[in-house]
Amino acid sequence: MITYTDATLDDLPFIVDVYNSTIACRQITADLQPVSVESRLVWFNQHNPKSRPLWLIKSSNQPCGWVSLSSFYGRAAFDKTVEISLYLHQDFRGKKIGQTTIAYIELFAKQAGIETILSYVFGHNLPSINLFKKMNYQQWALLPKIAELDGVKRDLVILGKQLD
């Protein structure tokens, strides 16, 4: 059973640990060094339960990841557009938790008046691209070779979905 709860400051160390666990693979995040809990406080505080949630994901009451919606571009005209971030602990990947989570947060987003969700994914991160495409996201942009990870230039794909 998958459940979602609003993240608290007590959850931030777990959220940071899951995030940091993805850095070494050079496939999921553009951070090259681990981040600290302190460095994520401003980001944490930019979320709110009404329109920009940060949820702890639990499987059978065990924390297994997190998902958030963040404002896009910071201008009022884009208030109905958000960026999704979804990170799962490695032990919980490939178990359809990502699909369940995206579907659930889309329902929340519609109720919150959000009309568009964007996902930024490295072009070589095929598991994430396939996950979002399975959830009917379309590639809206390709930014070729704009990131450099260990001397390798990488593409950024922007996937998007209009919520009806």
Protein backbone atom coordinates (compact mmCIF):
# COMPACT_ATOMS: atom_id res chain seq x y z
CA MET A 1 0.00 0.00 0.00
CA ILE A 2 1.38 3.39 -1.07
CA THR A 3 0.62 6.47 1.03
CA TYR A 4 1.66 10.12 0.88
CA THR A 5 2.16 12.56 3.73
CA ASP A 6 3.24 16.18 3.78
CA ALA A 7 6.95 16.17 4.49
CA THR A 8 8.13 17.73 7.73
CA LEU A 9 11.55 19.04 8.70
CA ASP A 10 12.08 15.70 10.46
CA ASP A 11 11.76 14.03 7.02
CA LEU A 12 14.35 16.27 5.37
CA PRO A 13 17.38 14.08 6.27
CA PHE A 14 15.69 11.09 4.58
CA ILE A 15 14.75 13.23 1.55
CA VAL A 16 18.35 14.46 1.25
CA ASP A 17 19.72 10.91 1.65
CA VAL A 18 17.53 9.59 -1.16
CA TYR A 19 18.49 12.54 -3.36
CA ASN A 20 22.20 12.16 -2.61
CA SER A 21 22.05 8.44 -3.38
CA THR A 22 21.31 9.33 -7.02
CA ILE A 23 24.31 11.63 -7.58
CA ALA A 24 26.98 8.99 -8.22
CA CYS A 25 25.17 7.38 -11.16
CA ARG A 26 25.29 10.68 -13.11
CA GLN A 27 21.91 9.91 -14.62
CA ILE A 28 19.29 11.53 -12.40
CA THR A 29 20.51 14.87 -11.01
CA ALA A 30 22.86 17.59 -12.17
CA ASP A 31 24.39 17.93 -8.72
CA LEU A 32 27.91 16.53 -8.74
CA GLN A 33 28.49 16.51 -4.98
CA PRO A 34 26.16 15.52 -2.13
CA VAL A 35 23.96 18.27 -0.75
CA SER A 36 23.41 18.96 2.93
CA VAL A 37 20.18 19.16 4.87
CA GLU A 38 21.00 22.79 5.65
CA SER A 39 21.46 23.62 1.96
CA ARG A 40 17.96 22.28 1.20
CA LEU A 41 16.09 24.32 3.82
CA VAL A 42 15.17 27.17 1.45
CA TRP A 43 13.96 24.64 -1.14
CA PHE A 44 11.99 22.79 1.54
CA ASN A 45 10.30 26.01 2.68
CA GLN A 46 9.25 26.91 -0.87
CA HIS A 47 6.73 24.07 -0.74
CA ASN A 48 3.25 24.25 0.69
CA PRO A 49 0.50 21.63 1.07
CA LYS A 50 -2.07 23.63 -0.92
CA SER A 51 -0.36 24.07 -4.29
CA ARG A 52 3.34 23.11 -4.17
CA PRO A 53 3.48 19.96 -2.04
CA LEU A 54 6.48 18.01 -0.90
CA TRP A 55 5.30 14.54 0.02
CA LEU A 56 7.02 11.65 1.68
CA ILE A 57 6.11 8.43 -0.14
CA LYS A 58 5.60 5.34 2.02
CA SER A 59 5.19 1.72 1.00
CA SER A 60 3.56 -0.37 3.73
CA ASN A 61 4.28 2.53 6.10
CA GLN A 62 8.02 2.50 5.28
CA PRO A 63 9.50 5.67 3.71
CA CYS A 64 10.58 4.84 0.18
CA GLY A 65 10.94 8.20 -1.56
CA TRP A 66 9.55 11.65 -2.11
CA VAL A 67 7.76 13.72 -4.73
CA SER A 68 7.34 17.46 -5.06
CA LEU A 69 5.78 20.09 -7.25
CA SER A 70 7.75 23.31 -7.64
CA SER A 71 6.92 26.59 -9.30
CA PHE A 72 8.03 27.00 -12.90
CA TYR A 73 9.99 30.10 -13.88
CA GLY A 74 8.84 32.25 -10.96
CA ARG A 75 6.51 34.57 -12.86
CA ALA A 76 2.80 35.00 -12.12
CA ALA A 77 1.73 34.03 -15.64
CA PHE A 78 3.16 30.56 -15.03
CA ASP A 79 1.38 29.91 -11.69
CA LYS A 80 -0.63 27.04 -13.21
CA THR A 81 2.52 25.27 -14.41
CA VAL A 82 4.75 23.20 -12.12
CA GLU A 83 7.84 21.05 -12.27
CA ILE A 84 7.63 17.56 -10.78
CA SER A 85 10.52 15.92 -8.94
CA LEU A 86 10.27 12.25 -8.03
CA TYR A 87 12.98 10.31 -6.22
CA LEU A 88 12.69 6.73 -4.98
CA HIS A 89 15.07 4.81 -2.78
CA GLN A 90 16.88 2.27 -4.95
CA ASP A 91 15.22 -0.65 -3.14
CA PHE A 92 11.79 0.57 -4.30
CA ARG A 93 12.45 1.31 -7.97
CA GLY A 94 10.75 -0.82 -10.62
CA LYS A 95 7.74 -1.60 -8.42
CA LYS A 96 5.24 0.78 -10.11
CA ILE A 97 5.50 3.24 -7.21
CA GLY A 98 6.54 5.95 -9.68
CA GLN A 99 3.46 5.37 -11.83
CA THR A 100 1.16 5.35 -8.81
CA THR A 101 2.76 8.52 -7.47
CA ILE A 102 2.52 10.44 -10.74
CA ALA A 103 -1.14 9.50 -11.13
CA TYR A 104 -1.87 10.55 -7.55
CA ILE A 105 -0.07 13.88 -7.75
CA GLU A 106 -1.81 14.66 -11.05
CA LEU A 107 -5.18 14.30 -9.29
CA PHE A 108 -3.97 16.63 -6.56
CA ALA A 109 -2.65 19.10 -9.15
CA LYS A 110 -5.98 19.27 -10.97
CA GLN A 111 -7.78 20.01 -7.70
CA ALA A 112 -5.19 22.70 -6.92
CA GLY A 113 -5.85 24.45 -10.23
CA ILE A 114 -2.60 23.35 -11.86
CA GLU A 115 -2.93 22.85 -15.61
CA THR A 116 0.55 21.78 -16.74
CA ILE A 117 3.25 19.54 -15.27
CA LEU A 118 6.82 19.54 -16.59
CA SER A 119 9.56 17.04 -15.93
CA TYR A 120 13.24 17.73 -16.63
CA VAL A 121 15.10 14.49 -17.39
CA PHE A 122 18.59 13.78 -18.74
CA GLY A 123 18.38 12.26 -22.22
CA HIS A 124 20.33 9.19 -21.10
CA ASN A 125 17.96 8.54 -18.16
CA LEU A 126 15.80 6.10 -20.08
CA PRO A 127 14.00 4.64 -17.03
CA SER A 128 12.63 8.08 -16.12
CA ILE A 129 11.83 9.03 -19.71
CA ASN A 130 9.98 5.74 -20.15
CA LEU A 131 8.10 6.26 -16.87
CA PHE A 132 6.82 9.68 -17.88
CA LYS A 133 5.99 8.57 -21.42
CA LYS A 134 4.04 5.64 -19.94
CA MET A 135 2.08 8.27 -17.99
CA ASN A 136 1.29 10.12 -21.26
CA TYR A 137 3.87 12.88 -20.97
CA GLN A 138 5.27 14.07 -24.27
CA GLN A 139 8.68 15.40 -25.13
CA TRP A 140 8.24 19.15 -25.48
CA ALA A 141 11.89 20.14 -25.74
CA LEU A 142 15.37 18.79 -26.22
CA LEU A 143 18.26 20.90 -24.99
CA PRO A 144 21.30 19.18 -26.50
CA LYS A 145 24.54 18.84 -24.58
CA ILE A 146 23.79 21.53 -22.01
CA ALA A 147 25.07 19.59 -18.99
CA GLU A 148 28.51 18.16 -18.38
CA LEU A 149 28.87 15.15 -16.12
CA ASP A 150 32.43 13.91 -15.61
CA GLY A 151 33.54 15.37 -18.92
CA VAL A 152 30.58 13.96 -20.88
CA LYS A 153 28.10 16.38 -22.44
CA ARG A 154 24.49 15.40 -21.75
CA ASP A 155 21.12 16.39 -23.18
CA LEU A 156 18.19 17.62 -21.14
CA VAL A 157 14.73 16.49 -22.20
CA ILE A 158 11.67 18.42 -21.06
CA LEU A 159 8.57 16.28 -20.85
CA GLY A 160 5.20 17.87 -20.35
CA LYS A 161 1.56 17.07 -19.83
CA GLN A 162 -1.54 19.24 -19.95
CA LEU A 163 -4.00 18.18 -17.26
CA ASP A 164 -7.60 18.08 -18.49
